[in-house]
Amino acid sequence: MRNPDLIPRQDAVFNIFQSNLLKQVTQNQTAWQIMPAIIAPLLQLQAEWETAYALTTNKGNCTSAQRNAKNTARKAYLKQLRPFIQTCL
């Protein structure tokens, strides 16, 4: 059975997805009439995710604390990203 969720489960695929999504959103925010105040929190969460994710890309050279931080960052990011996608896109 296919995953009906738009957001990818694998971290590497999610990272590409979220990067492309927010790039398109920021480039088109005026045309799409999305207020900067809506995008700003997502950009902050994106930065936190990308920082945490980068530390875990080398599985043999990351700590469990770094993996936990990545998971926490992703969870916080998704908490804001899902409603954004549902309402704004």
PDB file of N, CA and C in Angstrom:
ATOM      1  N   MET A   1       0.846  -1.183   0.000  1.00  0.00           N
ATOM      2  CA  MET A   1       0.000   0.000   0.000  1.00  0.00           C
ATOM      3  C   MET A   1       0.886   1.240   0.000  1.00  0.00           C
ATOM      4  N   ARG A   2       0.560   2.173  -0.821  1.00  0.00           N
ATOM      5  CA  ARG A   2       1.326   3.409  -0.918  1.00  0.00           C
ATOM      6  C   ARG A   2       1.010   4.333   0.253  1.00  0.00           C
ATOM      7  N   ASN A   3       1.993   5.162   0.572  1.00  0.00           N
ATOM      8  CA  ASN A   3       1.815   6.159   1.617  1.00  0.00           C
ATOM      9  C   ASN A   3       1.041   7.341   1.024  1.00  0.00           C
ATOM     10  N   PRO A   4      -0.184   7.608   1.483  1.00  0.00           N
ATOM     11  CA  PRO A   4      -0.965   8.700   0.916  1.00  0.00           C
ATOM     12  C   PRO A   4      -0.491  10.080   1.396  1.00  0.00           C
ATOM     13  N   ASP A   5       0.431  10.111   2.317  1.00  0.00           N
ATOM     14  CA  ASP A   5       0.930  11.360   2.873  1.00  0.00           C
ATOM     15  C   ASP A   5       1.813  12.068   1.850  1.00  0.00           C
ATOM     16  N   LEU A   6       1.614  13.347   1.699  1.00  0.00           N
ATOM     17  CA  LEU A   6       2.417  14.161   0.788  1.00  0.00           C
ATOM     18  C   LEU A   6       3.850  14.305   1.282  1.00  0.00           C
ATOM     19  N   ILE A   7       4.028  14.293   2.587  1.00  0.00           N
ATOM     20  CA  ILE A   7       5.341  14.522   3.182  1.00  0.00           C
ATOM     21  C   ILE A   7       6.088  13.195   3.285  1.00  0.00           C
ATOM     22  N   PRO A   8       7.277  13.130   2.684  1.00  0.00           N
ATOM     23  CA  PRO A   8       8.050  11.878   2.702  1.00  0.00           C
ATOM     24  C   PRO A   8       8.470  11.466   4.110  1.00  0.00           C
ATOM     25  N   ARG A   9       8.559  10.164   4.318  1.00  0.00           N
ATOM     26  CA  ARG A   9       8.958   9.639   5.627  1.00  0.00           C
ATOM     27  C   ARG A   9      10.469   9.606   5.799  1.00  0.00           C
ATOM     28  N   GLN A  10      11.198   9.242   4.754  1.00  0.00           N
ATOM     29  CA  GLN A  10      12.651   9.149   4.858  1.00  0.00           C
ATOM     30  C   GLN A  10      13.244  10.548   5.007  1.00  0.00           C
ATOM     31  N   ASP A  11      14.192  10.673   5.926  1.00  0.00           N
ATOM     32  CA  ASP A  11      14.781  11.976   6.209  1.00  0.00           C
ATOM     33  C   ASP A  11      15.424  12.622   4.990  1.00  0.00           C
ATOM     34  N   ALA A  12      16.168  11.855   4.214  1.00  0.00           N
ATOM     35  CA  ALA A  12      16.853  12.423   3.048  1.00  0.00           C
ATOM     36  C   ALA A  12      15.854  12.954   2.021  1.00  0.00           C
ATOM     37  N   VAL A  13      14.794  12.207   1.797  1.00  0.00           N
ATOM     38  CA  VAL A  13      13.771  12.625   0.845  1.00  0.00           C
ATOM     39  C   VAL A  13      12.984  13.804   1.414  1.00  0.00           C
ATOM     40  N   PHE A  14      12.679  13.749   2.699  1.00  0.00           N
ATOM     41  CA  PHE A  14      12.007  14.869   3.363  1.00  0.00           C
ATOM     42  C   PHE A  14      12.828  16.134   3.260  1.00  0.00           C
ATOM     43  N   ASN A  15      14.138  16.014   3.426  1.00  0.00           N
ATOM     44  CA  ASN A  15      15.000  17.179   3.366  1.00  0.00           C
ATOM     45  C   ASN A  15      14.917  17.862   2.002  1.00  0.00           C
ATOM     46  N   ILE A  16      14.920  17.086   0.949  1.00  0.00           N
ATOM     47  CA  ILE A  16      14.794  17.642  -0.396  1.00  0.00           C
ATOM     48  C   ILE A  16      13.408  18.259  -0.589  1.00  0.00           C
ATOM     49  N   PHE A  17      12.385  17.538  -0.139  1.00  0.00           N
ATOM     50  CA  PHE A  17      11.007  18.015  -0.261  1.00  0.00           C
ATOM     51  C   PHE A  17      10.819  19.367   0.427  1.00  0.00           C
ATOM     52  N   GLN A  18      11.233  19.448   1.686  1.00  0.00           N
ATOM     53  CA  GLN A  18      10.996  20.673   2.438  1.00  0.00           C
ATOM     54  C   GLN A  18      11.803  21.832   1.867  1.00  0.00           C
ATOM     55  N   SER A  19      13.012  21.543   1.409  1.00  0.00           N
ATOM     56  CA  SER A  19      13.843  22.587   0.815  1.00  0.00           C
ATOM     57  C   SER A  19      13.192  23.154  -0.441  1.00  0.00           C
ATOM     58  N   ASN A  20      12.741  22.264  -1.310  1.00  0.00           N
ATOM     59  CA  ASN A  20      12.070  22.707  -2.538  1.00  0.00           C
ATOM     60  C   ASN A  20      10.771  23.443  -2.238  1.00  0.00           C
ATOM     61  N   LEU A  21      10.015  22.945  -1.276  1.00  0.00           N
ATOM     62  CA  LEU A  21       8.743  23.568  -0.926  1.00  0.00           C
ATOM     63  C   LEU A  21       8.939  25.000  -0.443  1.00  0.00           C
ATOM     64  N   LEU A  22       9.814  25.191   0.527  1.00  0.00           N
ATOM     65  CA  LEU A  22       9.982  26.538   1.059  1.00  0.00           C
ATOM     66  C   LEU A  22      10.678  27.462   0.074  1.00  0.00           C
ATOM     67  N   LYS A  23      11.488  26.921  -0.792  1.00  0.00           N
ATOM     68  CA  LYS A  23      12.089  27.740  -1.850  1.00  0.00           C
ATOM     69  C   LYS A  23      10.990  28.285  -2.760  1.00  0.00           C
ATOM     70  N   GLN A  24      10.072  27.429  -3.168  1.00  0.00           N
ATOM     71  CA  GLN A  24       8.968  27.856  -4.023  1.00  0.00           C
ATOM     72  C   GLN A  24       8.046  28.837  -3.293  1.00  0.00           C
ATOM     73  N   VAL A  25       7.784  28.569  -2.041  1.00  0.00           N
ATOM     74  CA  VAL A  25       6.900  29.440  -1.266  1.00  0.00           C
ATOM     75  C   VAL A  25       7.509  30.831  -1.125  1.00  0.00           C
ATOM     76  N   THR A  26       8.787  30.906  -0.772  1.00  0.00           N
ATOM     77  CA  THR A  26       9.410  32.225  -0.592  1.00  0.00           C
ATOM     78  C   THR A  26       9.525  32.968  -1.926  1.00  0.00           C
ATOM     79  N   GLN A  27       9.789  32.251  -2.997  1.00  0.00           N
ATOM     80  CA  GLN A  27       9.895  32.904  -4.302  1.00  0.00           C
ATOM     81  C   GLN A  27       8.541  33.399  -4.817  1.00  0.00           C
ATOM     82  N   ASN A  28       7.480  32.756  -4.403  1.00  0.00           N
ATOM     83  CA  ASN A  28       6.149  33.088  -4.921  1.00  0.00           C
ATOM     84  C   ASN A  28       5.199  33.662  -3.875  1.00  0.00           C
ATOM     85  N   GLN A  29       5.726  34.068  -2.734  1.00  0.00           N
ATOM     86  CA  GLN A  29       4.830  34.494  -1.653  1.00  0.00           C
ATOM     87  C   GLN A  29       3.952  35.670  -2.036  1.00  0.00           C
ATOM     88  N   THR A  30       4.447  36.590  -2.835  1.00  0.00           N
ATOM     89  CA  THR A  30       3.626  37.724  -3.245  1.00  0.00           C
ATOM     90  C   THR A  30       2.520  37.272  -4.190  1.00  0.00           C
ATOM     91  N   ALA A  31       2.892  36.513  -5.197  1.00  0.00           N
ATOM     92  CA  ALA A  31       1.906  36.037  -6.165  1.00  0.00           C
ATOM     93  C   ALA A  31       0.855  35.143  -5.511  1.00  0.00           C
ATOM     94  N   TRP A  32       1.291  34.350  -4.551  1.00  0.00           N
ATOM     95  CA  TRP A  32       0.376  33.442  -3.873  1.00  0.00           C
ATOM     96  C   TRP A  32      -0.304  34.091  -2.663  1.00  0.00           C
ATOM     97  N   GLN A  33       0.043  35.337  -2.405  1.00  0.00           N
ATOM     98  CA  GLN A  33      -0.537  36.120  -1.308  1.00  0.00           C
ATOM     99  C   GLN A  33      -0.372  35.443   0.050  1.00  0.00           C
ATOM    100  N   ILE A  34       0.855  35.011   0.311  1.00  0.00           N
ATOM    101  CA  ILE A  34       1.182  34.415   1.607  1.00  0.00           C
ATOM    102  C   ILE A  34       1.961  35.453   2.400  1.00  0.00           C
ATOM    103  N   MET A  35       1.472  35.783   3.557  1.00  0.00           N
ATOM    104  CA  MET A  35       2.080  36.823   4.385  1.00  0.00           C
ATOM    105  C   MET A  35       3.440  36.369   4.918  1.00  0.00           C
ATOM    106  N   PRO A  36       4.407  37.278   4.960  1.00  0.00           N
ATOM    107  CA  PRO A  36       5.720  36.944   5.522  1.00  0.00           C
ATOM    108  C   PRO A  36       5.640  36.423   6.953  1.00  0.00           C
ATOM    109  N   ALA A  37       4.678  36.898   7.715  1.00  0.00           N
ATOM    110  CA  ALA A  37       4.525  36.445   9.101  1.00  0.00           C
ATOM    111  C   ALA A  37       4.157  34.960   9.181  1.00  0.00           C
ATOM    112  N   ILE A  38       3.604  34.424   8.123  1.00  0.00           N
ATOM    113  CA  ILE A  38       3.276  33.001   8.091  1.00  0.00           C
ATOM    114  C   ILE A  38       4.509  32.189   7.721  1.00  0.00           C
ATOM    115  N   ILE A  39       5.338  32.738   6.851  1.00  0.00           N
ATOM    116  CA  ILE A  39       6.514  32.023   6.370  1.00  0.00           C
ATOM    117  C   ILE A  39       7.671  32.081   7.362  1.00  0.00           C
ATOM    118  N   ALA A  40       7.806  33.161   8.090  1.00  0.00           N
ATOM    119  CA  ALA A  40       8.951  33.355   8.998  1.00  0.00           C
ATOM    120  C   ALA A  40       9.131  32.209   9.998  1.00  0.00           C
ATOM    121  N   PRO A  41       8.087  31.760  10.687  1.00  0.00           N
ATOM    122  CA  PRO A  41       8.283  30.641  11.620  1.00  0.00           C
ATOM    123  C   PRO A  41       8.726  29.360  10.914  1.00  0.00           C
ATOM    124  N   LEU A  42       8.232  29.147   9.704  1.00  0.00           N
ATOM    125  CA  LEU A  42       8.642  27.968   8.950  1.00  0.00           C
ATOM    126  C   LEU A  42      10.118  28.042   8.582  1.00  0.00           C
ATOM    127  N   LEU A  43      10.577  29.229   8.223  1.00  0.00           N
ATOM    128  CA  LEU A  43      11.991  29.382   7.882  1.00  0.00           C
ATOM    129  C   LEU A  43      12.886  29.136   9.093  1.00  0.00           C
ATOM    130  N   GLN A  44      12.435  29.546  10.259  1.00  0.00           N
ATOM    131  CA  GLN A  44      13.194  29.288  11.489  1.00  0.00           C
ATOM    132  C   GLN A  44      13.256  27.789  11.782  1.00  0.00           C
ATOM    133  N   LEU A  45      12.122  27.137  11.667  1.00  0.00           N
ATOM    134  CA  LEU A  45      12.081  25.687  11.889  1.00  0.00           C
ATOM    135  C   LEU A  45      12.875  24.941  10.819  1.00  0.00           C
ATOM    136  N   GLN A  46      12.859  25.451   9.605  1.00  0.00           N
ATOM    137  CA  GLN A  46      13.649  24.847   8.538  1.00  0.00           C
ATOM    138  C   GLN A  46      15.135  24.923   8.877  1.00  0.00           C
ATOM    139  N   ALA A  47      15.593  26.068   9.353  1.00  0.00           N
ATOM    140  CA  ALA A  47      17.000  26.230   9.716  1.00  0.00           C
ATOM    141  C   ALA A  47      17.386  25.260  10.832  1.00  0.00           C
ATOM    142  N   GLU A  48      16.513  25.110  11.814  1.00  0.00           N
ATOM    143  CA  GLU A  48      16.782  24.179  12.911  1.00  0.00           C
ATOM    144  C   GLU A  48      16.844  22.741  12.399  1.00  0.00           C
ATOM    145  N   TRP A  49      15.912  22.385  11.527  1.00  0.00           N
ATOM    146  CA  TRP A  49      15.906  21.038  10.943  1.00  0.00           C
ATOM    147  C   TRP A  49      17.183  20.801  10.144  1.00  0.00           C
ATOM    148  N   GLU A  50      17.521  21.731   9.260  1.00  0.00           N
ATOM    149  CA  GLU A  50      18.669  21.524   8.380  1.00  0.00           C
ATOM    150  C   GLU A  50      19.968  21.411   9.176  1.00  0.00           C
ATOM    151  N   THR A  51      20.095  22.183  10.233  1.00  0.00           N
ATOM    152  CA  THR A  51      21.284  22.103  11.084  1.00  0.00           C
ATOM    153  C   THR A  51      21.358  20.744  11.765  1.00  0.00           C
ATOM    154  N   ALA A  52      20.252  20.321  12.350  1.00  0.00           N
ATOM    155  CA  ALA A  52      20.219  19.030  13.043  1.00  0.00           C
ATOM    156  C   ALA A  52      20.392  17.872  12.065  1.00  0.00           C
ATOM    157  N   TYR A  53      19.762  17.958  10.915  1.00  0.00           N
ATOM    158  CA  TYR A  53      19.857  16.892   9.918  1.00  0.00           C
ATOM    159  C   TYR A  53      21.289  16.747   9.411  1.00  0.00           C
ATOM    160  N   ALA A  54      21.952  17.854   9.162  1.00  0.00           N
ATOM    161  CA  ALA A  54      23.326  17.823   8.640  1.00  0.00           C
ATOM    162  C   ALA A  54      24.264  17.068   9.576  1.00  0.00           C
ATOM    163  N   LEU A  55      24.013  17.155  10.869  1.00  0.00           N
ATOM    164  CA  LEU A  55      24.872  16.471  11.836  1.00  0.00           C
ATOM    165  C   LEU A  55      24.658  14.958  11.855  1.00  0.00           C
ATOM    166  N   THR A  56      23.584  14.499  11.253  1.00  0.00           N
ATOM    167  CA  THR A  56      23.273  13.064  11.307  1.00  0.00           C
ATOM    168  C   THR A  56      23.395  12.353   9.966  1.00  0.00           C
ATOM    169  N   THR A  57      23.847  13.045   8.950  1.00  0.00           N
ATOM    170  CA  THR A  57      23.924  12.407   7.630  1.00  0.00           C
ATOM    171  C   THR A  57      24.986  11.324   7.571  1.00  0.00           C
ATOM    172  N   ASN A  58      26.030  11.434   8.391  1.00  0.00           N
ATOM    173  CA  ASN A  58      27.041  10.383   8.481  1.00  0.00           C
ATOM    174  C   ASN A  58      26.666   9.506   9.675  1.00  0.00           C
ATOM    175  N   LYS A  59      25.960   8.432   9.397  1.00  0.00           N
ATOM    176  CA  LYS A  59      25.407   7.588  10.465  1.00  0.00           C
ATOM    177  C   LYS A  59      26.472   7.026  11.403  1.00  0.00           C
ATOM    178  N   GLY A  60      27.671   6.799  10.899  1.00  0.00           N
ATOM    179  CA  GLY A  60      28.735   6.248  11.729  1.00  0.00           C
ATOM    180  C   GLY A  60      29.444   7.285  12.581  1.00  0.00           C
ATOM    181  N   ASN A  61      29.121   8.549  12.360  1.00  0.00           N
ATOM    182  CA  ASN A  61      29.836   9.608  13.056  1.00  0.00           C
ATOM    183  C   ASN A  61      28.884  10.593  13.739  1.00  0.00           C
ATOM    184  N   CYS A  62      27.726  10.099  14.176  1.00  0.00           N
ATOM    185  CA  CYS A  62      26.815  10.976  14.914  1.00  0.00           C
ATOM    186  C   CYS A  62      26.403  10.293  16.216  1.00  0.00           C
ATOM    187  N   THR A  63      26.032  11.107  17.148  1.00  0.00           N
ATOM    188  CA  THR A  63      25.679  10.588  18.471  1.00  0.00           C
ATOM    189  C   THR A  63      24.167  10.383  18.578  1.00  0.00           C
ATOM    190  N   SER A  64      23.766   9.673  19.589  1.00  0.00           N
ATOM    191  CA  SER A  64      22.324   9.487  19.810  1.00  0.00           C
ATOM    192  C   SER A  64      21.673  10.820  20.162  1.00  0.00           C
ATOM    193  N   ALA A  65      22.392  11.701  20.833  1.00  0.00           N
ATOM    194  CA  ALA A  65      21.853  13.027  21.150  1.00  0.00           C
ATOM    195  C   ALA A  65      21.600  13.828  19.874  1.00  0.00           C
ATOM    196  N   GLN A  66      22.484  13.711  18.909  1.00  0.00           N
ATOM    197  CA  GLN A  66      22.300  14.407  17.639  1.00  0.00           C
ATOM    198  C   GLN A  66      21.110  13.835  16.879  1.00  0.00           C
ATOM    199  N   ARG A  67      20.949  12.521  16.897  1.00  0.00           N
ATOM    200  CA  ARG A  67      19.788  11.900  16.244  1.00  0.00           C
ATOM    201  C   ARG A  67      18.493  12.317  16.945  1.00  0.00           C
ATOM    202  N   ASN A  68      18.518  12.385  18.255  1.00  0.00           N
ATOM    203  CA  ASN A  68      17.331  12.830  18.997  1.00  0.00           C
ATOM    204  C   ASN A  68      17.006  14.283  18.670  1.00  0.00           C
ATOM    205  N   ALA A  69      18.032  15.118  18.556  1.00  0.00           N
ATOM    206  CA  ALA A  69      17.824  16.529  18.212  1.00  0.00           C
ATOM    207  C   ALA A  69      17.226  16.654  16.817  1.00  0.00           C
ATOM    208  N   LYS A  70      17.696  15.818  15.893  1.00  0.00           N
ATOM    209  CA  LYS A  70      17.150  15.816  14.528  1.00  0.00           C
ATOM    210  C   LYS A  70      15.681  15.414  14.552  1.00  0.00           C
ATOM    211  N   ASN A  71      15.359  14.368  15.287  1.00  0.00           N
ATOM    212  CA  ASN A  71      13.971  13.902  15.372  1.00  0.00           C
ATOM    213  C   ASN A  71      13.071  14.947  16.010  1.00  0.00           C
ATOM    214  N   THR A  72      13.571  15.611  17.034  1.00  0.00           N
ATOM    215  CA  THR A  72      12.807  16.675  17.692  1.00  0.00           C
ATOM    216  C   THR A  72      12.594  17.845  16.746  1.00  0.00           C
ATOM    217  N   ALA A  73      13.634  18.210  16.000  1.00  0.00           N
ATOM    218  CA  ALA A  73      13.526  19.313  15.043  1.00  0.00           C
ATOM    219  C   ALA A  73      12.516  18.968  13.943  1.00  0.00           C
ATOM    220  N   ARG A  74      12.561  17.749  13.471  1.00  0.00           N
ATOM    221  CA  ARG A  74      11.612  17.345  12.421  1.00  0.00           C
ATOM    222  C   ARG A  74      10.180  17.373  12.941  1.00  0.00           C
ATOM    223  N   LYS A  75       9.981  16.871  14.146  1.00  0.00           N
ATOM    224  CA  LYS A  75       8.638  16.847  14.734  1.00  0.00           C
ATOM    225  C   LYS A  75       8.082  18.266  14.886  1.00  0.00           C
ATOM    226  N   ALA A  76       8.907  19.181  15.373  1.00  0.00           N
ATOM    227  CA  ALA A  76       8.474  20.575  15.541  1.00  0.00           C
ATOM    228  C   ALA A  76       8.179  21.219  14.181  1.00  0.00           C
ATOM    229  N   TYR A  77       9.016  20.926  13.213  1.00  0.00           N
ATOM    230  CA  TYR A  77       8.854  21.460  11.867  1.00  0.00           C
ATOM    231  C   TYR A  77       7.551  20.944  11.249  1.00  0.00           C
ATOM    232  N   LEU A  78       7.324  19.651  11.347  1.00  0.00           N
ATOM    233  CA  LEU A  78       6.106  19.065  10.778  1.00  0.00           C
ATOM    234  C   LEU A  78       4.845  19.597  11.444  1.00  0.00           C
ATOM    235  N   LYS A  79       4.946  19.910  12.713  1.00  0.00           N
ATOM    236  CA  LYS A  79       3.790  20.442  13.443  1.00  0.00           C
ATOM    237  C   LYS A  79       3.305  21.753  12.828  1.00  0.00           C
ATOM    238  N   GLN A  80       4.224  22.530  12.263  1.00  0.00           N
ATOM    239  CA  GLN A  80       3.858  23.783  11.606  1.00  0.00           C
ATOM    240  C   GLN A  80       3.680  23.605  10.094  1.00  0.00           C
ATOM    241  N   LEU A  81       4.446  22.697   9.510  1.00  0.00           N
ATOM    242  CA  LEU A  81       4.429  22.527   8.067  1.00  0.00           C
ATOM    243  C   LEU A  81       3.121  21.910   7.563  1.00  0.00           C
ATOM    244  N   ARG A  82       2.618  20.917   8.260  1.00  0.00           N
ATOM    245  CA  ARG A  82       1.382  20.264   7.812  1.00  0.00           C
ATOM    246  C   ARG A  82       0.200  21.234   7.719  1.00  0.00           C
ATOM    247  N   PRO A  83      -0.078  22.001   8.762  1.00  0.00           N
ATOM    248  CA  PRO A  83      -1.197  22.951   8.646  1.00  0.00           C
ATOM    249  C   PRO A  83      -0.955  24.013   7.568  1.00  0.00           C
ATOM    250  N   PHE A  84       0.294  24.420   7.395  1.00  0.00           N
ATOM    251  CA  PHE A  84       0.626  25.378   6.348  1.00  0.00           C
ATOM    252  C   PHE A  84       0.256  24.810   4.984  1.00  0.00           C
ATOM    253  N   ILE A  85       0.665  23.582   4.726  1.00  0.00           N
ATOM    254  CA  ILE A  85       0.374  22.950   3.435  1.00  0.00           C
ATOM    255  C   ILE A  85      -1.144  22.819   3.247  1.00  0.00           C
ATOM    256  N   GLN A  86      -1.830  22.436   4.304  1.00  0.00           N
ATOM    257  CA  GLN A  86      -3.284  22.221   4.196  1.00  0.00           C
ATOM    258  C   GLN A  86      -4.048  23.513   3.950  1.00  0.00           C
ATOM    259  N   THR A  87      -3.580  24.620   4.512  1.00  0.00           N
ATOM    260  CA  THR A  87      -4.346  25.862   4.395  1.00  0.00           C
ATOM    261  C   THR A  87      -3.857  26.805   3.309  1.00  0.00           C
ATOM    262  N   CYS A  88      -2.562  26.790   3.045  1.00  0.00           N
ATOM    263  CA  CYS A  88      -2.005  27.793   2.134  1.00  0.00           C
ATOM    264  C   CYS A  88      -1.737  27.278   0.738  1.00  0.00           C
ATOM    265  N   LEU A  89      -1.596  25.993   0.590  1.00  0.00           N
ATOM    266  CA  LEU A  89      -1.232  25.490  -0.740  1.00  0.00           C
ATOM    267  C   LEU A  89      -2.340  24.681  -1.358  1.00  0.00           C
TER     268      LEU A  89
END
